[in-house]
C-alpha atoms as a PDB file:
ATOM      1  CA  MET A   1     -42.011  -6.666  10.047  1.00  0.00           C
ATOM      2  CA  ALA A   2     -40.640  -9.010   7.429  1.00  0.00           C
ATOM      3  CA  LEU A   3     -38.613  -7.732   4.498  1.00  0.00           C
ATOM      4  CA  SER A   4     -39.729  -8.464   0.990  1.00  0.00           C
ATOM      5  CA  ARG A   5     -37.304 -10.206  -1.330  1.00  0.00           C
ATOM      6  CA  LEU A   6     -36.721  -6.984  -3.240  1.00  0.00           C
ATOM      7  CA  GLN A   7     -35.875  -5.052  -0.060  1.00  0.00           C
ATOM      8  CA  PHE A   8     -33.537  -7.835   1.020  1.00  0.00           C
ATOM      9  CA  VAL A   9     -31.715  -7.834  -2.346  1.00  0.00           C
ATOM     10  CA  VAL A  10     -31.394  -4.032  -2.316  1.00  0.00           C
ATOM     11  CA  ILE A  11     -29.920  -4.073   1.205  1.00  0.00           C
ATOM     12  CA  LEU A  12     -27.542  -6.875   0.221  1.00  0.00           C
ATOM     13  CA  VAL A  13     -26.336  -4.961  -2.864  1.00  0.00           C
ATOM     14  CA  ILE A  14     -25.799  -1.770  -0.856  1.00  0.00           C
ATOM     15  CA  CYS A  15     -23.835  -3.627   1.831  1.00  0.00           C
ATOM     16  CA  SER A  16     -21.724  -5.365  -0.797  1.00  0.00           C
ATOM     17  CA  PHE A  17     -20.963  -2.045  -2.478  1.00  0.00           C
ATOM     18  CA  LEU A  18     -19.954  -0.462   0.846  1.00  0.00           C
ATOM     19  CA  VAL A  19     -17.653  -3.342   1.753  1.00  0.00           C
ATOM     20  CA  ASN A  20     -16.004  -3.259  -1.681  1.00  0.00           C
ATOM     21  CA  SER A  21     -15.430   0.490  -1.621  1.00  0.00           C
ATOM     22  CA  GLN A  22     -13.999   0.382   1.909  1.00  0.00           C
ATOM     23  CA  SER A  23     -11.582  -2.446   1.119  1.00  0.00           C
ATOM     24  CA  LYS A  24     -10.425  -0.583  -1.999  1.00  0.00           C
ATOM     25  CA  ASP A  25      -9.629   2.484   0.160  1.00  0.00           C
ATOM     26  CA  VAL A  26      -7.570   0.358   2.521  1.00  0.00           C
ATOM     27  CA  ARG A  27      -5.554  -1.133  -0.348  1.00  0.00           C
ATOM     28  CA  GLU A  28      -4.923   2.249  -1.983  1.00  0.00           C
ATOM     29  CA  ASN A  29      -4.035   3.932   1.298  1.00  0.00           C
ATOM     30  CA  GLY A  30      -1.639   1.239   2.438  1.00  0.00           C
ATOM     31  CA  ASP A  31       1.628   1.961   4.220  1.00  0.00           C
ATOM     32  CA  HIS A  32       3.436   2.999   1.065  1.00  0.00           C
ATOM     33  CA  PRO A  33       2.445   4.230  -2.353  1.00  0.00           C
ATOM     34  CA  SER A  34       2.393   1.915  -5.330  1.00  0.00           C
ATOM     35  CA  GLN A  35       5.222   3.959  -6.909  1.00  0.00           C
ATOM     36  CA  CYS A  36       7.755   2.141  -4.726  1.00  0.00           C
ATOM     37  CA  VAL A  37      10.916   0.974  -6.415  1.00  0.00           C
ATOM     38  CA  TYR A  38      12.390  -1.780  -4.280  1.00  0.00           C
ATOM     39  CA  LYS A  39      16.157  -1.719  -3.839  1.00  0.00           C
ATOM     40  CA  GLY A  40      18.173  -4.099  -1.686  1.00  0.00           C
ATOM     41  CA  PRO A  41      17.864  -5.326   1.892  1.00  0.00           C
ATOM     42  CA  CYS A  42      17.856  -3.038   4.933  1.00  0.00           C
ATOM     43  CA  SER A  43      17.513  -3.043   8.694  1.00  0.00           C
ATOM     44  CA  SER A  44      16.558   0.643   9.166  1.00  0.00           C
ATOM     45  CA  ASN A  45      15.618   3.725   7.111  1.00  0.00           C
ATOM     46  CA  THR A  46      19.209   4.974   7.263  1.00  0.00           C
ATOM     47  CA  ASP A  47      20.315   1.937   5.243  1.00  0.00           C
ATOM     48  CA  CYS A  48      18.095   3.164   2.391  1.00  0.00           C
ATOM     49  CA  ARG A  49      19.617   6.658   2.034  1.00  0.00           C
ATOM     50  CA  SER A  50      22.424   5.531  -0.238  1.00  0.00           C
ATOM     51  CA  GLN A  51      20.297   3.020  -2.138  1.00  0.00           C
ATOM     52  CA  CYS A  52      17.557   5.566  -2.897  1.00  0.00           C
ATOM     53  CA  GLY A  53      19.760   8.552  -3.711  1.00  0.00           C
ATOM     54  CA  PRO A  54      21.562   9.900  -6.765  1.00  0.00           C
ATOM     55  CA  PRO A  55      22.561   8.878  -9.410  1.00  0.00           C
ATOM     56  CA  ASP A  56      19.715   6.307  -9.686  1.00  0.00           C
ATOM     57  CA  PHE A  57      17.052   8.525  -8.111  1.00  0.00           C
ATOM     58  CA  PRO A  58      16.417  12.293  -7.843  1.00  0.00           C
ATOM     59  CA  PRO A  59      17.430  14.013  -4.564  1.00  0.00           C
ATOM     60  CA  GLU A  60      13.799  14.336  -3.360  1.00  0.00           C
ATOM     61  CA  THR A  61      13.387  10.531  -3.312  1.00  0.00           C
ATOM     62  CA  ILE A  62      12.849   9.062   0.138  1.00  0.00           C
ATOM     63  CA  GLY A  63      13.947   5.620   1.228  1.00  0.00           C
ATOM     64  CA  LEU A  64      11.859   3.621   3.662  1.00  0.00           C
ATOM     65  CA  CYS A  65      12.825   0.283   5.141  1.00  0.00           C
ATOM     66  CA  GLN A  66       9.742  -1.922   5.059  1.00  0.00           C
ATOM     67  CA  ALA A  67       8.787  -5.569   5.149  1.00  0.00           C
ATOM     68  CA  SER A  68       9.400  -7.273   1.838  1.00  0.00           C
ATOM     69  CA  PRO A  69       6.202  -7.843  -0.165  1.00  0.00           C
ATOM     70  CA  ARG A  70       7.275 -11.478  -0.500  1.00  0.00           C
ATOM     71  CA  GLY A  71       7.839 -11.834   3.231  1.00  0.00           C
ATOM     72  CA  HIS A  72      11.627 -12.317   3.145  1.00  0.00           C
ATOM     73  CA  GLY A  73      13.054  -9.762   5.585  1.00  0.00           C
ATOM     74  CA  ASN A  74      13.109  -6.012   4.981  1.00  0.00           C
ATOM     75  CA  ILE A  75      13.696  -4.138   1.747  1.00  0.00           C
ATOM     76  CA  CYS A  76      14.210  -0.485   0.810  1.00  0.00           C
ATOM     77  CA  CYS A  77      11.236   1.235  -0.783  1.00  0.00           C
ATOM     78  CA  CYS A  78      12.352   4.233  -2.840  1.00  0.00           C
ATOM     79  CA  ALA A  79       9.496   6.667  -3.486  1.00  0.00           C
ATOM     80  CA  LYS A  80       9.041  10.304  -4.389  1.00  0.00           C
ATOM     81  CA  ASP A  81       8.390  12.499  -1.360  1.00  0.00           C
END
């Protein structure tokens, strides 16, 4: 059974939409939220406690040591819990 051109185009559009929506979910649900404020280098999460604490940030701020977005070592990501 051969597909008509219209059926082929409809299937292609649906597949494209599914791929786009799935890749958007992956970007939005990445390792860390987009509200990260990057502060200084680190080698572990404990290095980020002082950098992500008062007076610059509220007490409920967490500090996570993660790979730098630019690929140069690790950097503290300060984000609201």
